[in-house]
C-alpha atoms as a PDB file:
ATOM      1  CA  MET A   1      48.785 -15.334 -33.235  1.00  0.00           C
ATOM      2  CA  ARG A   2      47.439 -17.633 -30.506  1.00  0.00           C
ATOM      3  CA  LYS A   3      49.631 -15.926 -27.911  1.00  0.00           C
ATOM      4  CA  SER A   4      48.282 -12.534 -28.979  1.00  0.00           C
ATOM      5  CA  CYS A   5      44.702 -13.804 -28.754  1.00  0.00           C
ATOM      6  CA  ASN A   6      45.339 -15.256 -25.301  1.00  0.00           C
ATOM      7  CA  LEU A   7      46.818 -11.970 -24.124  1.00  0.00           C
ATOM      8  CA  THR A   8      43.781 -10.104 -25.441  1.00  0.00           C
ATOM      9  CA  LEU A   9      41.401 -12.461 -23.636  1.00  0.00           C
ATOM     10  CA  TYR A  10      43.452 -12.190 -20.464  1.00  0.00           C
ATOM     11  CA  SER A  11      43.399  -8.399 -20.721  1.00  0.00           C
ATOM     12  CA  LEU A  12      39.618  -8.384 -21.141  1.00  0.00           C
ATOM     13  CA  PHE A  13      39.235 -10.713 -18.173  1.00  0.00           C
ATOM     14  CA  VAL A  14      41.392  -8.511 -15.949  1.00  0.00           C
ATOM     15  CA  THR A  15      39.451  -5.434 -17.080  1.00  0.00           C
ATOM     16  CA  PHE A  16      36.197  -7.163 -16.152  1.00  0.00           C
ATOM     17  CA  LEU A  17      37.531  -8.051 -12.711  1.00  0.00           C
ATOM     18  CA  VAL A  18      38.709  -4.506 -12.117  1.00  0.00           C
ATOM     19  CA  LEU A  19      35.345  -3.080 -13.128  1.00  0.00           C
ATOM     20  CA  PHE A  20      33.580  -5.622 -10.909  1.00  0.00           C
ATOM     21  CA  VAL A  21      35.706  -4.686  -7.917  1.00  0.00           C
ATOM     22  CA  VAL A  22      35.287  -0.955  -8.576  1.00  0.00           C
ATOM     23  CA  VAL A  23      31.481  -1.244  -8.753  1.00  0.00           C
ATOM     24  CA  ASN A  24      31.292  -3.255  -5.561  1.00  0.00           C
ATOM     25  CA  SER A  25      33.837  -1.105  -3.742  1.00  0.00           C
ATOM     26  CA  GLN A  26      31.570   1.914  -4.303  1.00  0.00           C
ATOM     27  CA  LEU A  27      29.353   0.489  -1.569  1.00  0.00           C
ATOM     28  CA  THR A  28      31.042   1.376   1.698  1.00  0.00           C
ATOM     29  CA  THR A  29      29.950   1.509   5.316  1.00  0.00           C
ATOM     30  CA  ASP A  30      31.023   5.160   5.615  1.00  0.00           C
ATOM     31  CA  PHE A  31      29.545   6.396   2.334  1.00  0.00           C
ATOM     32  CA  TYR A  32      27.588   9.231   4.008  1.00  0.00           C
ATOM     33  CA  ALA A  33      30.211  10.106   6.626  1.00  0.00           C
ATOM     34  CA  LYS A  34      30.685  13.590   5.165  1.00  0.00           C
ATOM     35  CA  THR A  35      27.500  14.188   3.169  1.00  0.00           C
ATOM     36  CA  CYS A  36      24.947  12.979   5.746  1.00  0.00           C
ATOM     37  CA  PRO A  37      26.633  11.936   9.003  1.00  0.00           C
ATOM     38  CA  SER A  38      23.323  11.750  10.888  1.00  0.00           C
ATOM     39  CA  VAL A  39      21.582   9.338   8.501  1.00  0.00           C
ATOM     40  CA  LEU A  40      21.945   6.211  10.666  1.00  0.00           C
ATOM     41  CA  ARG A  41      20.618   7.984  13.736  1.00  0.00           C
ATOM     42  CA  VAL A  42      17.688   9.483  11.811  1.00  0.00           C
ATOM     43  CA  VAL A  43      16.657   6.147  10.289  1.00  0.00           C
ATOM     44  CA  ARG A  44      17.029   4.312  13.611  1.00  0.00           C
ATOM     45  CA  LYS A  45      14.719   6.775  15.350  1.00  0.00           C
ATOM     46  CA  GLU A  46      11.996   6.412  12.717  1.00  0.00           C
ATOM     47  CA  VAL A  47      12.222   2.600  12.666  1.00  0.00           C
ATOM     48  CA  GLN A  48      12.056   2.572  16.453  1.00  0.00           C
ATOM     49  CA  ASN A  49       8.910   4.707  16.374  1.00  0.00           C
ATOM     50  CA  ALA A  50       7.318   2.475  13.750  1.00  0.00           C
ATOM     51  CA  ILE A  51       7.995  -0.721  15.685  1.00  0.00           C
ATOM     52  CA  LYS A  52       6.791   0.858  18.909  1.00  0.00           C
ATOM     53  CA  ASN A  53       3.532   1.635  17.128  1.00  0.00           C
ATOM     54  CA  GLU A  54       3.265  -1.852  15.573  1.00  0.00           C
ATOM     55  CA  MET A  55       5.728  -4.617  16.393  1.00  0.00           C
ATOM     56  CA  ARG A  56       4.879  -6.451  13.177  1.00  0.00           C
ATOM     57  CA  MET A  57       6.416  -3.592  11.209  1.00  0.00           C
ATOM     58  CA  ALA A  58       9.898  -4.953  11.905  1.00  0.00           C
ATOM     59  CA  ALA A  59       9.177  -8.000   9.759  1.00  0.00           C
ATOM     60  CA  SER A  60       7.483  -5.857   7.109  1.00  0.00           C
ATOM     61  CA  LEU A  61      10.513  -3.573   6.702  1.00  0.00           C
ATOM     62  CA  LEU A  62      12.875  -6.528   6.531  1.00  0.00           C
ATOM     63  CA  ARG A  63      10.694  -8.151   3.873  1.00  0.00           C
ATOM     64  CA  LEU A  64      10.592  -4.966   1.786  1.00  0.00           C
ATOM     65  CA  HIS A  65      14.386  -4.989   1.493  1.00  0.00           C
ATOM     66  CA  PHE A  66      14.304  -8.671   0.464  1.00  0.00           C
ATOM     67  CA  HIS A  67      11.594  -8.079  -2.156  1.00  0.00           C
ATOM     68  CA  ASP A  68      13.483  -5.086  -3.494  1.00  0.00           C
ATOM     69  CA  CYS A  69      16.850  -6.799  -3.908  1.00  0.00           C
ATOM     70  CA  PHE A  70      15.480  -9.916  -5.626  1.00  0.00           C
ATOM     71  CA  VAL A  71      13.974  -7.821  -8.433  1.00  0.00           C
ATOM     72  CA  ASN A  72      16.283  -5.489 -10.406  1.00  0.00           C
ATOM     73  CA  GLY A  73      18.792  -5.617  -7.565  1.00  0.00           C
ATOM     74  CA  CYS A  74      18.677  -3.308  -4.534  1.00  0.00           C
ATOM     75  CA  ASP A  75      17.391  -0.194  -6.304  1.00  0.00           C
ATOM     76  CA  ALA A  76      14.163   0.652  -4.409  1.00  0.00           C
ATOM     77  CA  SER A  77      12.083  -0.385  -7.426  1.00  0.00           C
ATOM     78  CA  VAL A  78       9.594  -2.074  -5.076  1.00  0.00           C
ATOM     79  CA  LEU A  79       8.660   1.347  -3.696  1.00  0.00           C
ATOM     80  CA  LEU A  80       7.492   2.840  -6.996  1.00  0.00           C
ATOM     81  CA  ASP A  81       3.755   3.496  -7.274  1.00  0.00           C
ATOM     82  CA  GLY A  82       1.783   2.768 -10.440  1.00  0.00           C
ATOM     83  CA  ASN A  83      -0.617   0.172 -11.770  1.00  0.00           C
ATOM     84  CA  SER A  84      -0.489  -3.518 -12.574  1.00  0.00           C
ATOM     85  CA  THR A  85       1.690  -2.888 -15.633  1.00  0.00           C
ATOM     86  CA  THR A  86       4.065  -0.349 -14.099  1.00  0.00           C
ATOM     87  CA  SER A  87       4.483  -1.196 -10.402  1.00  0.00           C
ATOM     88  CA  GLU A  88       5.968  -4.189  -8.602  1.00  0.00           C
ATOM     89  CA  LYS A  89       3.447  -3.618  -5.823  1.00  0.00           C
ATOM     90  CA  PHE A  90       0.855  -5.455  -7.921  1.00  0.00           C
ATOM     91  CA  ALA A  91       2.920  -8.635  -8.277  1.00  0.00           C
ATOM     92  CA  PRO A  92       1.353 -11.666  -6.525  1.00  0.00           C
ATOM     93  CA  ALA A  93       4.099 -11.717  -3.881  1.00  0.00           C
ATOM     94  CA  ASN A  94       3.490  -8.036  -3.035  1.00  0.00           C
ATOM     95  CA  LEU A  95      -0.182  -7.295  -3.655  1.00  0.00           C
ATOM     96  CA  ASN A  96      -2.038  -6.896  -0.336  1.00  0.00           C
ATOM     97  CA  SER A  97       1.047  -8.376   1.275  1.00  0.00           C
ATOM     98  CA  ALA A  98       4.036  -6.027   1.123  1.00  0.00           C
ATOM     99  CA  ARG A  99       3.750  -3.443   3.892  1.00  0.00           C
ATOM    100  CA  GLY A 100       5.642  -0.546   5.388  1.00  0.00           C
ATOM    101  CA  PHE A 101       5.559   1.905   2.493  1.00  0.00           C
ATOM    102  CA  GLU A 102       4.205   4.682   4.715  1.00  0.00           C
ATOM    103  CA  VAL A 103       7.032   4.065   7.194  1.00  0.00           C
ATOM    104  CA  ILE A 104       9.604   4.389   4.414  1.00  0.00           C
ATOM    105  CA  ASP A 105       7.917   7.671   3.425  1.00  0.00           C
ATOM    106  CA  LYS A 106       8.347   8.975   6.981  1.00  0.00           C
ATOM    107  CA  ILE A 107      11.977   7.885   7.087  1.00  0.00           C
ATOM    108  CA  LYS A 108      12.667   9.515   3.726  1.00  0.00           C
ATOM    109  CA  ASN A 109      11.069  12.780   4.865  1.00  0.00           C
ATOM    110  CA  ALA A 110      13.140  12.796   8.038  1.00  0.00           C
ATOM    111  CA  VAL A 111      16.333  12.030   6.130  1.00  0.00           C
ATOM    112  CA  GLU A 112      15.568  14.759   3.575  1.00  0.00           C
ATOM    113  CA  ASP A 113      15.128  17.234   6.418  1.00  0.00           C
ATOM    114  CA  ALA A 114      18.597  16.314   7.645  1.00  0.00           C
ATOM    115  CA  CYS A 115      20.369  16.008   4.271  1.00  0.00           C
ATOM    116  CA  THR A 116      18.434  17.080   1.192  1.00  0.00           C
ATOM    117  CA  GLY A 117      18.942  15.058  -1.981  1.00  0.00           C
ATOM    118  CA  VAL A 118      21.760  12.901  -0.633  1.00  0.00           C
ATOM    119  CA  VAL A 119      20.494   9.535   0.650  1.00  0.00           C
ATOM    120  CA  SER A 120      18.835   7.047  -1.704  1.00  0.00           C
ATOM    121  CA  CYS A 121      15.639   5.169  -0.965  1.00  0.00           C
ATOM    122  CA  ALA A 122      17.514   1.940  -1.678  1.00  0.00           C
ATOM    123  CA  ASP A 123      19.962   2.710   1.128  1.00  0.00           C
ATOM    124  CA  ILE A 124      17.103   3.646   3.447  1.00  0.00           C
ATOM    125  CA  LEU A 125      15.593   0.204   2.852  1.00  0.00           C
ATOM    126  CA  ALA A 126      18.904  -1.467   3.675  1.00  0.00           C
ATOM    127  CA  ILE A 127      19.413   0.525   6.885  1.00  0.00           C
ATOM    128  CA  ALA A 128      15.801   0.070   7.982  1.00  0.00           C
ATOM    129  CA  ALA A 129      16.056  -3.702   7.489  1.00  0.00           C
ATOM    130  CA  ARG A 130      19.153  -3.861   9.691  1.00  0.00           C
ATOM    131  CA  ASP A 131      17.517  -1.738  12.376  1.00  0.00           C
ATOM    132  CA  ALA A 132      14.338  -3.844  12.258  1.00  0.00           C
ATOM    133  CA  VAL A 133      16.401  -6.947  13.037  1.00  0.00           C
ATOM    134  CA  LEU A 134      18.422  -5.260  15.789  1.00  0.00           C
ATOM    135  CA  LEU A 135      15.396  -3.712  17.488  1.00  0.00           C
ATOM    136  CA  SER A 136      13.713  -7.135  17.502  1.00  0.00           C
ATOM    137  CA  GLY A 137      16.576  -8.624  19.495  1.00  0.00           C
ATOM    138  CA  GLY A 138      18.639  -9.870  16.573  1.00  0.00           C
ATOM    139  CA  PRO A 139      22.198  -9.178  15.441  1.00  0.00           C
ATOM    140  CA  THR A 140      23.547  -5.967  13.976  1.00  0.00           C
ATOM    141  CA  TRP A 141      26.030  -5.233  11.227  1.00  0.00           C
ATOM    142  CA  LYS A 142      27.585  -2.335   9.369  1.00  0.00           C
ATOM    143  CA  VAL A 143      25.410  -1.685   6.331  1.00  0.00           C
ATOM    144  CA  LYS A 144      27.230  -1.058   3.067  1.00  0.00           C
ATOM    145  CA  LEU A 145      25.869   2.103   1.446  1.00  0.00           C
ATOM    146  CA  GLY A 146      26.112   4.065  -1.769  1.00  0.00           C
ATOM    147  CA  ARG A 147      23.240   2.567  -3.767  1.00  0.00           C
ATOM    148  CA  ARG A 148      21.238   4.783  -6.078  1.00  0.00           C
ATOM    149  CA  ASP A 149      17.578   4.465  -6.972  1.00  0.00           C
ATOM    150  CA  GLY A 150      16.285   2.830 -10.127  1.00  0.00           C
ATOM    151  CA  LEU A 151      14.363   4.705 -12.786  1.00  0.00           C
ATOM    152  CA  ALA A 152      11.737   2.031 -13.425  1.00  0.00           C
ATOM    153  CA  ALA A 153      10.082  -0.962 -11.834  1.00  0.00           C
ATOM    154  CA  ASN A 154      10.474  -4.491 -13.189  1.00  0.00           C
ATOM    155  CA  VAL A 155       6.956  -5.895 -13.152  1.00  0.00           C
ATOM    156  CA  SER A 156       7.767  -9.113 -15.021  1.00  0.00           C
ATOM    157  CA  GLY A 157      10.678  -9.720 -12.669  1.00  0.00           C
ATOM    158  CA  ALA A 158       8.481  -9.204  -9.620  1.00  0.00           C
ATOM    159  CA  ASN A 159       6.021 -11.700 -11.083  1.00  0.00           C
ATOM    160  CA  THR A 160       8.639 -14.410 -11.530  1.00  0.00           C
ATOM    161  CA  ALA A 161      11.721 -13.812  -9.361  1.00  0.00           C
ATOM    162  CA  LEU A 162      10.252 -13.776  -5.853  1.00  0.00           C
ATOM    163  CA  PRO A 163      10.017 -17.124  -4.022  1.00  0.00           C
ATOM    164  CA  ALA A 164       6.477 -18.084  -3.006  1.00  0.00           C
ATOM    165  CA  PRO A 165       5.218 -20.191  -0.071  1.00  0.00           C
ATOM    166  CA  PHE A 166       4.106 -22.873  -2.534  1.00  0.00           C
ATOM    167  CA  HIS A 167       7.360 -23.261  -4.472  1.00  0.00           C
ATOM    168  CA  PRO A 168       9.305 -26.542  -4.221  1.00  0.00           C
ATOM    169  CA  LEU A 169      12.657 -26.325  -2.462  1.00  0.00           C
ATOM    170  CA  ASN A 170      14.700 -26.825  -5.622  1.00  0.00           C
ATOM    171  CA  THR A 171      12.841 -23.942  -7.264  1.00  0.00           C
ATOM    172  CA  ILE A 172      13.574 -21.679  -4.309  1.00  0.00           C
ATOM    173  CA  ILE A 173      17.246 -22.656  -4.331  1.00  0.00           C
ATOM    174  CA  SER A 174      17.401 -21.922  -8.059  1.00  0.00           C
ATOM    175  CA  MET A 175      15.825 -18.484  -7.560  1.00  0.00           C
ATOM    176  CA  PHE A 176      18.451 -17.646  -4.946  1.00  0.00           C
ATOM    177  CA  GLN A 177      21.217 -18.873  -7.225  1.00  0.00           C
ATOM    178  CA  ASP A 178      19.889 -16.619 -10.007  1.00  0.00           C
ATOM    179  CA  VAL A 179      20.810 -13.592  -7.874  1.00  0.00           C
ATOM    180  CA  GLY A 180      24.123 -14.980  -6.642  1.00  0.00           C
ATOM    181  CA  LEU A 181      22.985 -16.492  -3.346  1.00  0.00           C
ATOM    182  CA  ASN A 182      23.625 -20.054  -2.204  1.00  0.00           C
ATOM    183  CA  ILE A 183      21.964 -22.749  -0.065  1.00  0.00           C
ATOM    184  CA  THR A 184      23.301 -21.282   3.172  1.00  0.00           C
ATOM    185  CA  ASP A 185      21.686 -17.983   2.188  1.00  0.00           C
ATOM    186  CA  VAL A 186      18.381 -19.775   1.505  1.00  0.00           C
ATOM    187  CA  VAL A 187      18.239 -21.188   5.017  1.00  0.00           C
ATOM    188  CA  SER A 188      19.664 -18.250   6.938  1.00  0.00           C
ATOM    189  CA  LEU A 189      17.465 -15.676   5.189  1.00  0.00           C
ATOM    190  CA  SER A 190      14.421 -17.917   5.681  1.00  0.00           C
ATOM    191  CA  GLY A 191      15.221 -17.438   9.356  1.00  0.00           C
ATOM    192  CA  ALA A 192      13.823 -13.916   8.958  1.00  0.00           C
ATOM    193  CA  HIS A 193      10.498 -15.690   9.527  1.00  0.00           C
ATOM    194  CA  THR A 194      11.394 -15.732  13.198  1.00  0.00           C
ATOM    195  CA  ILE A 195       9.348 -12.506  13.307  1.00  0.00           C
ATOM    196  CA  GLY A 196       6.123 -11.482  11.609  1.00  0.00           C
ATOM    197  CA  LEU A 197       2.757 -12.864  10.570  1.00  0.00           C
ATOM    198  CA  ALA A 198       1.324 -14.582   7.497  1.00  0.00           C
ATOM    199  CA  LYS A 199      -2.199 -14.565   6.073  1.00  0.00           C
ATOM    200  CA  CYS A 200      -4.256 -17.739   5.924  1.00  0.00           C
ATOM    201  CA  ALA A 201      -4.165 -17.549   2.126  1.00  0.00           C
ATOM    202  CA  THR A 202      -0.423 -18.334   2.227  1.00  0.00           C
ATOM    203  CA  PHE A 203      -0.769 -21.600   4.152  1.00  0.00           C
ATOM    204  CA  ASP A 204      -4.410 -22.793   4.166  1.00  0.00           C
ATOM    205  CA  ASN A 205      -3.596 -25.144   1.277  1.00  0.00           C
ATOM    206  CA  ARG A 206      -1.861 -27.313   3.914  1.00  0.00           C
ATOM    207  CA  LEU A 207      -4.921 -27.675   6.144  1.00  0.00           C
ATOM    208  CA  THR A 208      -7.403 -29.877   4.259  1.00  0.00           C
ATOM    209  CA  ASN A 209      -6.806 -31.205   0.769  1.00  0.00           C
ATOM    210  CA  PHE A 210      -3.033 -30.825   0.528  1.00  0.00           C
ATOM    211  CA  SER A 211      -1.753 -31.611  -2.988  1.00  0.00           C
ATOM    212  CA  GLY A 212      -5.011 -33.435  -3.757  1.00  0.00           C
ATOM    213  CA  THR A 213      -4.565 -35.985  -0.957  1.00  0.00           C
ATOM    214  CA  GLY A 214      -7.867 -35.165   0.724  1.00  0.00           C
ATOM    215  CA  ALA A 215      -6.008 -34.672   3.999  1.00  0.00           C
ATOM    216  CA  PRO A 216      -3.799 -32.058   5.661  1.00  0.00           C
ATOM    217  CA  ASP A 217      -0.061 -31.835   4.985  1.00  0.00           C
ATOM    218  CA  THR A 218       1.460 -34.734   6.929  1.00  0.00           C
ATOM    219  CA  THR A 219       4.583 -32.700   7.705  1.00  0.00           C
ATOM    220  CA  LEU A 220       2.459 -30.223   9.702  1.00  0.00           C
ATOM    221  CA  ASP A 221       2.039 -30.984  13.416  1.00  0.00           C
ATOM    222  CA  SER A 222      -1.480 -32.391  13.941  1.00  0.00           C
ATOM    223  CA  SER A 223      -2.284 -30.195  16.930  1.00  0.00           C
ATOM    224  CA  LEU A 224      -1.297 -27.140  14.912  1.00  0.00           C
ATOM    225  CA  VAL A 225      -3.525 -28.308  12.035  1.00  0.00           C
ATOM    226  CA  SER A 226      -6.614 -28.159  14.265  1.00  0.00           C
ATOM    227  CA  GLU A 227      -5.692 -24.728  15.593  1.00  0.00           C
ATOM    228  CA  LEU A 228      -5.105 -23.328  12.120  1.00  0.00           C
ATOM    229  CA  GLN A 229      -8.288 -24.865  10.717  1.00  0.00           C
ATOM    230  CA  ASN A 230     -10.246 -22.912  13.337  1.00  0.00           C
ATOM    231  CA  LEU A 231      -8.375 -19.743  12.414  1.00  0.00           C
ATOM    232  CA  CYS A 232      -8.756 -20.282   8.678  1.00  0.00           C
ATOM    233  CA  PRO A 233     -12.136 -21.900   7.927  1.00  0.00           C
ATOM    234  CA  SER A 234     -12.887 -22.687   4.314  1.00  0.00           C
ATOM    235  CA  THR A 235     -15.499 -19.927   4.296  1.00  0.00           C
ATOM    236  CA  SER A 236     -13.002 -17.206   5.298  1.00  0.00           C
ATOM    237  CA  ASP A 237     -11.500 -14.614   2.958  1.00  0.00           C
ATOM    238  CA  GLY A 238      -7.970 -15.789   3.786  1.00  0.00           C
ATOM    239  CA  ASN A 239      -6.980 -12.541   5.484  1.00  0.00           C
ATOM    240  CA  ASN A 240      -6.699 -13.784   9.067  1.00  0.00           C
ATOM    241  CA  THR A 241      -3.096 -13.974  10.228  1.00  0.00           C
ATOM    242  CA  ALA A 242      -0.967 -16.400  12.221  1.00  0.00           C
ATOM    243  CA  PRO A 243       2.565 -15.995  13.615  1.00  0.00           C
ATOM    244  CA  LEU A 244       5.340 -17.361  11.437  1.00  0.00           C
ATOM    245  CA  ASP A 245       7.288 -18.337  14.563  1.00  0.00           C
ATOM    246  CA  ARG A 246       4.842 -19.630  17.152  1.00  0.00           C
ATOM    247  CA  ASN A 247       5.699 -18.864  20.802  1.00  0.00           C
ATOM    248  CA  SER A 248       8.396 -16.395  19.740  1.00  0.00           C
ATOM    249  CA  THR A 249       6.491 -14.097  17.404  1.00  0.00           C
ATOM    250  CA  ASP A 250       8.257 -10.776  17.931  1.00  0.00           C
ATOM    251  CA  LEU A 251      11.730 -11.874  19.032  1.00  0.00           C
ATOM    252  CA  PHE A 252      14.467 -12.358  16.444  1.00  0.00           C
ATOM    253  CA  ASP A 253      16.008 -15.656  17.570  1.00  0.00           C
ATOM    254  CA  ASN A 254      16.585 -19.228  16.354  1.00  0.00           C
ATOM    255  CA  HIS A 255      13.221 -20.526  17.596  1.00  0.00           C
ATOM    256  CA  TYR A 256      11.924 -20.623  14.006  1.00  0.00           C
ATOM    257  CA  PHE A 257      14.323 -23.497  13.289  1.00  0.00           C
ATOM    258  CA  LYS A 258      13.300 -25.357  16.432  1.00  0.00           C
ATOM    259  CA  ASN A 259       9.732 -25.211  15.148  1.00  0.00           C
ATOM    260  CA  LEU A 260      10.773 -26.826  11.862  1.00  0.00           C
ATOM    261  CA  LEU A 261      12.205 -29.810  13.741  1.00  0.00           C
ATOM    262  CA  ASN A 262       8.776 -30.271  15.368  1.00  0.00           C
ATOM    263  CA  GLY A 263       6.677 -29.890  12.211  1.00  0.00           C
ATOM    264  CA  ARG A 264       5.503 -26.431  13.230  1.00  0.00           C
ATOM    265  CA  GLY A 265       6.721 -24.384  10.281  1.00  0.00           C
ATOM    266  CA  LEU A 266       3.749 -22.305   9.167  1.00  0.00           C
ATOM    267  CA  LEU A 267       4.436 -21.995   5.446  1.00  0.00           C
ATOM    268  CA  GLU A 268       5.068 -24.938   3.166  1.00  0.00           C
ATOM    269  CA  SER A 269       8.270 -23.160   2.061  1.00  0.00           C
ATOM    270  CA  ASP A 270       9.385 -23.104   5.708  1.00  0.00           C
ATOM    271  CA  GLN A 271       8.790 -26.753   6.520  1.00  0.00           C
ATOM    272  CA  ILE A 272      10.312 -28.104   3.307  1.00  0.00           C
ATOM    273  CA  LEU A 273      13.685 -26.797   4.509  1.00  0.00           C
ATOM    274  CA  TYR A 274      13.639 -29.708   6.951  1.00  0.00           C
ATOM    275  CA  SER A 275      10.977 -32.233   5.935  1.00  0.00           C
ATOM    276  CA  SER A 276      11.149 -32.531   2.143  1.00  0.00           C
ATOM    277  CA  ASP A 277      13.131 -35.147   0.230  1.00  0.00           C
ATOM    278  CA  ALA A 278      15.142 -32.354  -1.390  1.00  0.00           C
ATOM    279  CA  ALA A 279      16.187 -31.091   2.050  1.00  0.00           C
ATOM    280  CA  LEU A 280      18.197 -34.222   2.828  1.00  0.00           C
ATOM    281  CA  ALA A 281      21.055 -33.217   0.524  1.00  0.00           C
ATOM    282  CA  THR A 282      20.660 -29.449   0.802  1.00  0.00           C
ATOM    283  CA  THR A 283      19.096 -27.627   3.747  1.00  0.00           C
ATOM    284  CA  LYS A 284      18.229 -30.073   6.540  1.00  0.00           C
ATOM    285  CA  THR A 285      21.638 -30.076   8.218  1.00  0.00           C
ATOM    286  CA  LEU A 286      21.700 -26.269   8.303  1.00  0.00           C
ATOM    287  CA  VAL A 287      18.250 -26.190   9.922  1.00  0.00           C
ATOM    288  CA  GLU A 288      19.508 -28.537  12.621  1.00  0.00           C
ATOM    289  CA  THR A 289      22.657 -26.470  13.117  1.00  0.00           C
ATOM    290  CA  TYR A 290      20.758 -23.213  13.479  1.00  0.00           C
ATOM    291  CA  SER A 291      18.234 -24.802  15.843  1.00  0.00           C
ATOM    292  CA  ASN A 292      21.114 -25.717  18.145  1.00  0.00           C
ATOM    293  CA  SER A 293      23.096 -22.477  17.867  1.00  0.00           C
ATOM    294  CA  SER A 294      21.681 -18.985  17.671  1.00  0.00           C
ATOM    295  CA  SER A 295      25.216 -17.607  17.301  1.00  0.00           C
ATOM    296  CA  VAL A 296      25.858 -19.628  14.129  1.00  0.00           C
ATOM    297  CA  PHE A 297      22.478 -18.571  12.752  1.00  0.00           C
ATOM    298  CA  PHE A 298      23.152 -14.906  13.555  1.00  0.00           C
ATOM    299  CA  THR A 299      26.586 -15.014  11.927  1.00  0.00           C
ATOM    300  CA  ASP A 300      25.276 -16.623   8.744  1.00  0.00           C
ATOM    301  CA  PHE A 301      22.228 -14.356   8.644  1.00  0.00           C
ATOM    302  CA  VAL A 302      24.393 -11.231   8.825  1.00  0.00           C
ATOM    303  CA  ASN A 303      26.672 -12.510   6.054  1.00  0.00           C
ATOM    304  CA  SER A 304      23.656 -13.355   3.894  1.00  0.00           C
ATOM    305  CA  MET A 305      22.051  -9.957   4.448  1.00  0.00           C
ATOM    306  CA  ILE A 306      25.266  -8.235   3.378  1.00  0.00           C
ATOM    307  CA  LYS A 307      25.456 -10.458   0.289  1.00  0.00           C
ATOM    308  CA  MET A 308      21.829  -9.758  -0.553  1.00  0.00           C
ATOM    309  CA  GLY A 309      22.450  -6.029  -0.194  1.00  0.00           C
ATOM    310  CA  ASP A 310      25.196  -6.365  -2.819  1.00  0.00           C
ATOM    311  CA  ILE A 311      22.847  -7.658  -5.534  1.00  0.00           C
ATOM    312  CA  SER A 312      23.269  -5.450  -8.632  1.00  0.00           C
ATOM    313  CA  PRO A 313      23.386  -2.036  -6.951  1.00  0.00           C
ATOM    314  CA  LEU A 314      23.226   1.119  -9.036  1.00  0.00           C
ATOM    315  CA  THR A 315      26.243   3.268  -8.202  1.00  0.00           C
ATOM    316  CA  GLY A 316      28.164   6.261  -9.488  1.00  0.00           C
ATOM    317  CA  SER A 317      26.057   8.192 -11.981  1.00  0.00           C
ATOM    318  CA  ASP A 318      23.569   5.362 -12.641  1.00  0.00           C
ATOM    319  CA  GLY A 319      20.011   5.850 -11.456  1.00  0.00           C
ATOM    320  CA  GLU A 320      19.201   8.813  -9.221  1.00  0.00           C
ATOM    321  CA  ILE A 321      18.537   9.898  -5.661  1.00  0.00           C
ATOM    322  CA  ARG A 322      14.750  10.075  -5.551  1.00  0.00           C
ATOM    323  CA  LYS A 323      13.087  13.021  -3.846  1.00  0.00           C
ATOM    324  CA  ASN A 324      10.042  10.856  -3.238  1.00  0.00           C
ATOM    325  CA  CYS A 325      10.531   7.095  -2.888  1.00  0.00           C
ATOM    326  CA  ARG A 326       7.232   6.407  -4.677  1.00  0.00           C
ATOM    327  CA  THR A 327       8.107   8.099  -7.968  1.00  0.00           C
ATOM    328  CA  ILE A 328      11.095   8.965 -10.134  1.00  0.00           C
ATOM    329  CA  ASN A 329      12.256  12.579 -10.059  1.00  0.00           C
ATOM    330  CA  SER A 330      11.034  13.473 -13.538  1.00  0.00           C
ATOM    331  CA  ASN A 331       7.482  12.844 -12.315  1.00  0.00           C
ATOM    332  CA  ASN A 332       7.785  15.247  -9.386  1.00  0.00           C
END
């Protein structure tokens, strides 16, 4: 009886593994080789045009892919329009912050002109993120494709699953672990902040009365404090912006990590990777490693991006290929 039960459990386990492998193997780097062979070229051209028009857009497109994959998996749910109860765009981490939706619209239109009804919005996000990194001077990789688009947003997930600049390090690590990512992924993907800007509202808590101390955050370089206080006075609306990676704003490199060693990480969630008590046993050594070696950072970043792109994709007959990235097909 026990032997029979063990065999049944073993059989179920093997079946689970097979199904897991099958689902993941449906994402392949040559998924559109026959159905849309020009897709990579079409997306690259549109991303190039967008970055030429506004260099900051590279960081915005990369961030969109991140914010998509952490909620519902990589299913383009972040692109769906709606209101505060139906769209992830209204979540605190996205509202007046997530950008690049118009660029994704242009890419989708161009892709549809080349191959109608074939390429998902989720895959467009993944390709655009890779191209944004490459065109900013960073590494490249072969993007795994074959995702399909979700049929609904996950508003509650967007409200709770996205790491915020004010979260403690252990909370951020836990959020990454919830989607199958580890500490190396936390640090390497944080390195995406080597490009882009952040609004005062995301870091001005560090400039005066940090955590009720009546003084600025002591882990923030004092000369930078004065500069940022002038940029973000207490009377401002919090919408002024500062570079996430000072002195290397638009170049995808390892300078972001060098800044952390000198107390010049802009966001609290950046600097805690090096300066917090929790960092001693988790992230500090990786920050030091990446600050000394751009090649190690690039290698780990690529691996982490591929892992992130594998988070709960819809494949096969699940989901759909949206005609318009902002709405499901039944609404068209």
